[in-house]
Every structure is written in structure tokens, then in C-alpha cells.
Amino acid sequence: MPSHSLSLALRRTGAMLLDMVVVYAWIIVLTLLSFTVNAVIPFHGAMGSSYIARHLVGFTTLTLPIVLYFVVMEGSSRQATWGKRRLGLRVVAHEGDVTTRGQRLVRNAMKFLPWEMVHTHMHMNPGFVMTGETSMAGWLLGIYVPCGVALVYIVQVLAAKNGRTLYETRSRTCTIRNPES
């Protein structure tokens, strides 16, 4: 692997780790808000038996805002999330142009697909979080496949000649060094 490709891969990894700080800050805010609201209007117990309610609340308050954060930030004038900006990266269309909203939606929906697959599994099998018990299909579709997809993304960044992931190829986008940094 050429040193510039390794350097870009390391920067991308660092940027994602920094972006996870934003993600986990949002998770902490949501958790605190959830327990505060639940103390006034008890709703946690009401969702306990409904996979659809749990998943809908989780998706609309966690996954969707995070995906939209990435879509909006990568569409900003800096073309980068907080982590990418800090490490001198930006997202462009494959041809080097500014990305469209559709490209960013495809890119980030695919990027966070493994995350959502795991959450779907957790909502369908709430005991899994506490005990680790689930069916073979649950392990396969809820844990192994999402981890495999995430691993493919990582390997592609490291091994692909152009360093692009499947979600970048499908969305016709790429992550590049920002020449201004």
C-alpha cells in the first residue's frame, strides 16, 4: 500500500473515531433525556413488549439524527463532519464536484446499515443485551453479517487501489485530503 493511501486510511480512521465522540455525546444526551422524561411520563415500560415501538423510537431518536448529521455536515461548505474537518478531510463527488443530497443520503445510509442491523437485532431480542441469548439466525443476521459488512468497509479503505468503500462506490463519492489543511 502506498504511504499516501495508508496516511489517508489512518486519517479516515481517526476522523471516524472523532465523529464517534459526537455520536456518543448524542447518545448520552438522549439517555439523560429519556430517563428525565420517563420520570414524569413513564413510557419505558409501555415499550417493553412492542418491538415496533422500541425500534421506531430508537430509529427516530438515534439512527436518523446521526445519519442526518453526517448528511448535513458533508453537504456544508466544508464538506466534512467534525472529525473529518479536524483531520483535514472532506467528502466530494467521484468527479471532484460537490456531492448532492441524494449521494450523501445513499453514502451515509449504507455506512450506518451495519449499525442499524445490530439495533434491529437488539430491539427484536431485548434479552440479548442482558444475557447474550439469541437464536442462530439472530447471531447470523444481527451480529455476524453487520460485523462482516463493517469489516468489508475497513478492508476496502486499506486494500482498494482508490481507497474507496462500497458505500462510496455506490454513492459516487470519495473522501479526500482537504488541500486547504
C-alpha atoms as a PDB file:
ATOM      1  CA  MET A   1       0.000   0.000   0.000  1.00  0.00           C
ATOM      2  CA  PRO A   2       1.481   3.381  -0.966  1.00  0.00           C
ATOM      3  CA  SER A   3       2.262   5.627   2.001  1.00  0.00           C
ATOM      4  CA  HIS A   4      -0.269   8.263   0.869  1.00  0.00           C
ATOM      5  CA  SER A   5      -3.005   5.598   0.851  1.00  0.00           C
ATOM      6  CA  LEU A   6      -2.020   4.441   4.333  1.00  0.00           C
ATOM      7  CA  SER A   7      -1.921   8.039   5.519  1.00  0.00           C
ATOM      8  CA  LEU A   8      -5.437   8.647   4.143  1.00  0.00           C
ATOM      9  CA  ALA A   9      -6.706   5.400   5.689  1.00  0.00           C
ATOM     10  CA  LEU A  10      -5.283   6.389   9.079  1.00  0.00           C
ATOM     11  CA  ARG A  11      -6.788   9.867   8.791  1.00  0.00           C
ATOM     12  CA  ARG A  12     -10.165   8.378   7.882  1.00  0.00           C
ATOM     13  CA  THR A  13      -9.992   6.032  10.864  1.00  0.00           C
ATOM     14  CA  GLY A  14      -9.082   8.894  13.174  1.00  0.00           C
ATOM     15  CA  ALA A  15     -11.868  11.054  11.739  1.00  0.00           C
ATOM     16  CA  MET A  16     -14.438   8.330  12.353  1.00  0.00           C
ATOM     17  CA  LEU A  17     -13.203   7.912  15.930  1.00  0.00           C
ATOM     18  CA  LEU A  18     -13.547  11.669  16.475  1.00  0.00           C
ATOM     19  CA  ASP A  19     -17.023  11.581  14.926  1.00  0.00           C
ATOM     20  CA  MET A  20     -17.911   8.818  17.365  1.00  0.00           C
ATOM     21  CA  VAL A  21     -17.317  11.377  20.142  1.00  0.00           C
ATOM     22  CA  VAL A  22     -20.192  13.392  18.620  1.00  0.00           C
ATOM     23  CA  VAL A  23     -22.302  10.229  18.278  1.00  0.00           C
ATOM     24  CA  TYR A  24     -21.712   9.140  21.872  1.00  0.00           C
ATOM     25  CA  ALA A  25     -22.362  12.668  23.144  1.00  0.00           C
ATOM     26  CA  TRP A  26     -25.759  12.445  21.407  1.00  0.00           C
ATOM     27  CA  ILE A  27     -26.359   9.025  22.973  1.00  0.00           C
ATOM     28  CA  ILE A  28     -25.594  10.452  26.439  1.00  0.00           C
ATOM     29  CA  VAL A  29     -27.962  13.398  25.857  1.00  0.00           C
ATOM     30  CA  LEU A  30     -30.696  11.015  24.643  1.00  0.00           C
ATOM     31  CA  THR A  31     -30.214   8.697  27.602  1.00  0.00           C
ATOM     32  CA  LEU A  32     -30.419  11.527  30.135  1.00  0.00           C
ATOM     33  CA  LEU A  33     -33.435  12.999  28.358  1.00  0.00           C
ATOM     34  CA  SER A  34     -35.126   9.601  28.190  1.00  0.00           C
ATOM     35  CA  PHE A  35     -34.757   8.952  31.917  1.00  0.00           C
ATOM     36  CA  THR A  36     -35.847  12.511  32.758  1.00  0.00           C
ATOM     37  CA  VAL A  37     -38.986  12.286  30.613  1.00  0.00           C
ATOM     38  CA  ASN A  38     -39.681   8.749  31.859  1.00  0.00           C
ATOM     39  CA  ALA A  39     -39.674  10.035  35.455  1.00  0.00           C
ATOM     40  CA  VAL A  40     -42.525  12.409  34.556  1.00  0.00           C
ATOM     41  CA  ILE A  41     -44.309  10.378  31.874  1.00  0.00           C
ATOM     42  CA  PRO A  42     -43.442   6.688  32.307  1.00  0.00           C
ATOM     43  CA  PHE A  43     -43.025   5.281  28.829  1.00  0.00           C
ATOM     44  CA  HIS A  44     -40.151   2.794  29.111  1.00  0.00           C
ATOM     45  CA  GLY A  45     -42.389   0.016  30.436  1.00  0.00           C
ATOM     46  CA  ALA A  46     -45.016   0.656  27.782  1.00  0.00           C
ATOM     47  CA  MET A  47     -42.474  -0.039  25.038  1.00  0.00           C
ATOM     48  CA  GLY A  48     -41.154  -3.207  26.663  1.00  0.00           C
ATOM     49  CA  SER A  49     -43.435  -5.590  24.822  1.00  0.00           C
ATOM     50  CA  SER A  50     -43.520  -3.819  21.467  1.00  0.00           C
ATOM     51  CA  TYR A  51     -40.648  -4.425  19.069  1.00  0.00           C
ATOM     52  CA  ILE A  52     -42.129  -1.857  16.681  1.00  0.00           C
ATOM     53  CA  ALA A  53     -42.383   0.873  19.340  1.00  0.00           C
ATOM     54  CA  ARG A  54     -38.836   0.244  20.617  1.00  0.00           C
ATOM     55  CA  HIS A  55     -37.400   0.201  17.130  1.00  0.00           C
ATOM     56  CA  LEU A  56     -39.332   3.257  15.963  1.00  0.00           C
ATOM     57  CA  VAL A  57     -38.223   5.296  18.978  1.00  0.00           C
ATOM     58  CA  GLY A  58     -34.622   4.094  18.597  1.00  0.00           C
ATOM     59  CA  PHE A  59     -34.515   4.794  14.877  1.00  0.00           C
ATOM     60  CA  THR A  60     -36.130   8.236  15.007  1.00  0.00           C
ATOM     61  CA  THR A  61     -34.161   9.494  18.003  1.00  0.00           C
ATOM     62  CA  LEU A  62     -30.781   7.849  17.432  1.00  0.00           C
ATOM     63  CA  THR A  63     -30.053   6.445  13.981  1.00  0.00           C
ATOM     64  CA  LEU A  64     -31.888   9.012  11.863  1.00  0.00           C
ATOM     65  CA  PRO A  65     -30.398  12.096  13.584  1.00  0.00           C
ATOM     66  CA  ILE A  66     -26.905  10.617  13.345  1.00  0.00           C
ATOM     67  CA  VAL A  67     -27.257   9.797   9.645  1.00  0.00           C
ATOM     68  CA  LEU A  68     -28.686  13.277   9.032  1.00  0.00           C
ATOM     69  CA  TYR A  69     -25.777  14.841  10.964  1.00  0.00           C
ATOM     70  CA  PHE A  70     -23.365  13.195   8.530  1.00  0.00           C
ATOM     71  CA  VAL A  71     -25.510  14.135   5.505  1.00  0.00           C
ATOM     72  CA  VAL A  72     -25.799  17.786   6.565  1.00  0.00           C
ATOM     73  CA  MET A  73     -22.161  18.228   7.605  1.00  0.00           C
ATOM     74  CA  GLU A  74     -20.797  16.555   4.465  1.00  0.00           C
ATOM     75  CA  GLY A  75     -23.048  18.920   2.487  1.00  0.00           C
ATOM     76  CA  SER A  76     -21.831  22.023   4.307  1.00  0.00           C
ATOM     77  CA  SER A  77     -19.346  24.473   2.805  1.00  0.00           C
ATOM     78  CA  ARG A  78     -16.534  22.497   4.472  1.00  0.00           C
ATOM     79  CA  GLN A  79     -17.869  19.180   3.088  1.00  0.00           C
ATOM     80  CA  ALA A  80     -16.887  17.437   6.291  1.00  0.00           C
ATOM     81  CA  THR A  81     -18.097  16.235   9.650  1.00  0.00           C
ATOM     82  CA  TRP A  82     -16.383  17.498  12.788  1.00  0.00           C
ATOM     83  CA  GLY A  83     -13.946  14.562  12.775  1.00  0.00           C
ATOM     84  CA  LYS A  84     -13.090  14.892   9.090  1.00  0.00           C
ATOM     85  CA  ARG A  85     -12.526  18.641   9.487  1.00  0.00           C
ATOM     86  CA  ARG A  86     -10.188  18.080  12.426  1.00  0.00           C
ATOM     87  CA  LEU A  87      -8.086  15.677  10.356  1.00  0.00           C
ATOM     88  CA  GLY A  88      -8.100  17.633   7.109  1.00  0.00           C
ATOM     89  CA  LEU A  89     -10.526  15.510   5.095  1.00  0.00           C
ATOM     90  CA  ARG A  90     -13.611  16.258   3.046  1.00  0.00           C
ATOM     91  CA  VAL A  91     -16.197  14.360   1.035  1.00  0.00           C
ATOM     92  CA  VAL A  92     -16.597  15.062  -2.669  1.00  0.00           C
ATOM     93  CA  ALA A  93     -18.437  13.522  -5.570  1.00  0.00           C
ATOM     94  CA  HIS A  94     -16.416  10.958  -7.503  1.00  0.00           C
ATOM     95  CA  GLU A  95     -15.650  13.545 -10.187  1.00  0.00           C
ATOM     96  CA  GLY A  96     -14.409  16.000  -7.540  1.00  0.00           C
ATOM     97  CA  ASP A  97     -17.608  18.060  -7.571  1.00  0.00           C
ATOM     98  CA  VAL A  98     -19.785  18.945  -4.606  1.00  0.00           C
ATOM     99  CA  THR A  99     -21.936  15.994  -3.538  1.00  0.00           C
ATOM    100  CA  THR A 100     -25.698  16.014  -3.957  1.00  0.00           C
ATOM    101  CA  ARG A 101     -28.062  15.399  -1.055  1.00  0.00           C
ATOM    102  CA  GLY A 102     -29.013  12.086  -2.679  1.00  0.00           C
ATOM    103  CA  GLN A 103     -25.377  10.980  -2.838  1.00  0.00           C
ATOM    104  CA  ARG A 104     -24.873  11.854   0.817  1.00  0.00           C
ATOM    105  CA  LEU A 105     -28.071  10.040   1.829  1.00  0.00           C
ATOM    106  CA  VAL A 106     -27.001   6.861  -0.005  1.00  0.00           C
ATOM    107  CA  ARG A 107     -23.451   7.134   1.353  1.00  0.00           C
ATOM    108  CA  ASN A 108     -24.488   7.508   4.977  1.00  0.00           C
ATOM    109  CA  ALA A 109     -27.464   5.138   4.892  1.00  0.00           C
ATOM    110  CA  MET A 110     -25.095   2.436   3.633  1.00  0.00           C
ATOM    111  CA  LYS A 111     -22.357   3.457   6.081  1.00  0.00           C
ATOM    112  CA  PHE A 112     -24.712   3.093   9.049  1.00  0.00           C
ATOM    113  CA  LEU A 113     -26.514  -0.008   7.754  1.00  0.00           C
ATOM    114  CA  PRO A 114     -24.442  -2.381   9.962  1.00  0.00           C
ATOM    115  CA  TRP A 115     -25.223  -0.159  12.974  1.00  0.00           C
ATOM    116  CA  GLU A 116     -28.956  -0.306  12.226  1.00  0.00           C
ATOM    117  CA  MET A 117     -28.850  -4.077  11.650  1.00  0.00           C
ATOM    118  CA  VAL A 118     -27.408  -4.563  15.142  1.00  0.00           C
ATOM    119  CA  HIS A 119     -30.018  -2.223  16.633  1.00  0.00           C
ATOM    120  CA  THR A 120     -32.793  -4.102  14.852  1.00  0.00           C
ATOM    121  CA  HIS A 121     -31.478  -7.336  16.351  1.00  0.00           C
ATOM    122  CA  MET A 122     -31.315  -5.792  19.827  1.00  0.00           C
ATOM    123  CA  HIS A 123     -34.893  -4.499  19.596  1.00  0.00           C
ATOM    124  CA  MET A 124     -36.176  -7.845  18.326  1.00  0.00           C
ATOM    125  CA  ASN A 125     -34.285  -9.702  21.072  1.00  0.00           C
ATOM    126  CA  PRO A 126     -34.202  -7.398  24.130  1.00  0.00           C
ATOM    127  CA  GLY A 127     -32.817 -10.184  26.330  1.00  0.00           C
ATOM    128  CA  PHE A 128     -29.707 -10.337  24.129  1.00  0.00           C
ATOM    129  CA  VAL A 129     -28.284  -7.180  25.694  1.00  0.00           C
ATOM    130  CA  MET A 130     -28.511  -8.642  29.202  1.00  0.00           C
ATOM    131  CA  THR A 131     -27.775 -12.329  28.575  1.00  0.00           C
ATOM    132  CA  GLY A 132     -26.345 -12.678  25.077  1.00  0.00           C
ATOM    133  CA  GLU A 133     -29.006 -15.276  24.339  1.00  0.00           C
ATOM    134  CA  THR A 134     -30.434 -15.274  20.843  1.00  0.00           C
ATOM    135  CA  SER A 135     -31.192 -17.680  18.031  1.00  0.00           C
ATOM    136  CA  MET A 136     -28.660 -18.787  15.422  1.00  0.00           C
ATOM    137  CA  ALA A 137     -30.465 -16.552  12.912  1.00  0.00           C
ATOM    138  CA  GLY A 138     -30.167 -13.696  15.407  1.00  0.00           C
ATOM    139  CA  TRP A 139     -26.420 -14.214  15.688  1.00  0.00           C
ATOM    140  CA  LEU A 140     -26.041 -14.509  11.934  1.00  0.00           C
ATOM    141  CA  LEU A 141     -28.238 -11.599  10.808  1.00  0.00           C
ATOM    142  CA  GLY A 142     -27.935  -9.386  13.870  1.00  0.00           C
ATOM    143  CA  ILE A 143     -24.262  -9.742  14.739  1.00  0.00           C
ATOM    144  CA  TYR A 144     -22.109 -11.611  12.193  1.00  0.00           C
ATOM    145  CA  VAL A 145     -23.473 -10.034   8.991  1.00  0.00           C
ATOM    146  CA  PRO A 146     -23.262  -6.438  10.298  1.00  0.00           C
ATOM    147  CA  CYS A 147     -19.738  -7.047  11.616  1.00  0.00           C
ATOM    148  CA  GLY A 148     -18.822  -8.615   8.280  1.00  0.00           C
ATOM    149  CA  VAL A 149     -20.154  -5.621   6.359  1.00  0.00           C
ATOM    150  CA  ALA A 150     -18.246  -3.223   8.623  1.00  0.00           C
ATOM    151  CA  LEU A 151     -15.101  -5.317   8.136  1.00  0.00           C
ATOM    152  CA  VAL A 152     -15.540  -5.163   4.348  1.00  0.00           C
ATOM    153  CA  TYR A 153     -15.698  -1.356   4.596  1.00  0.00           C
ATOM    154  CA  ILE A 154     -12.460  -1.282   6.605  1.00  0.00           C
ATOM    155  CA  VAL A 155     -10.634  -3.699   4.295  1.00  0.00           C
ATOM    156  CA  GLN A 156     -11.723  -1.693   1.259  1.00  0.00           C
ATOM    157  CA  VAL A 157     -10.225   1.505   2.669  1.00  0.00           C
ATOM    158  CA  LEU A 158      -6.951  -0.324   3.290  1.00  0.00           C
ATOM    159  CA  ALA A 159      -6.793  -2.598   0.247  1.00  0.00           C
ATOM    160  CA  ALA A 160      -8.665  -0.934  -2.611  1.00  0.00           C
ATOM    161  CA  LYS A 161      -6.457   0.848  -5.074  1.00  0.00           C
ATOM    162  CA  ASN A 162      -8.523   4.013  -4.740  1.00  0.00           C
ATOM    163  CA  GLY A 163      -9.225   3.513  -1.004  1.00  0.00           C
ATOM    164  CA  ARG A 164     -12.977   3.798  -1.536  1.00  0.00           C
ATOM    165  CA  THR A 165     -15.550   1.795   0.355  1.00  0.00           C
ATOM    166  CA  LEU A 166     -18.623   0.093  -1.055  1.00  0.00           C
ATOM    167  CA  TYR A 167     -20.803   2.931   0.236  1.00  0.00           C
ATOM    168  CA  GLU A 168     -18.570   5.451  -1.540  1.00  0.00           C
ATOM    169  CA  THR A 169     -18.596   3.488  -4.783  1.00  0.00           C
ATOM    170  CA  ARG A 170     -22.406   3.129  -4.724  1.00  0.00           C
ATOM    171  CA  SER A 171     -22.931   6.809  -3.856  1.00  0.00           C
ATOM    172  CA  ARG A 172     -20.255   8.002  -6.297  1.00  0.00           C
ATOM    173  CA  THR A 173     -18.437   9.886  -3.536  1.00  0.00           C
ATOM    174  CA  CYS A 174     -14.965   9.762  -2.051  1.00  0.00           C
ATOM    175  CA  THR A 175     -13.111  11.054   0.972  1.00  0.00           C
ATOM    176  CA  ILE A 176     -10.051  13.107   0.103  1.00  0.00           C
ATOM    177  CA  ARG A 177      -7.430  15.212   1.829  1.00  0.00           C
ATOM    178  CA  ASN A 178      -8.530  18.808   2.033  1.00  0.00           C
ATOM    179  CA  PRO A 179      -5.904  20.787   0.099  1.00  0.00           C
ATOM    180  CA  GLU A 180      -6.602  23.784   2.351  1.00  0.00           C
ATOM    181  CA  SER A 181      -5.482  21.960   5.509  1.00  0.00           C
END
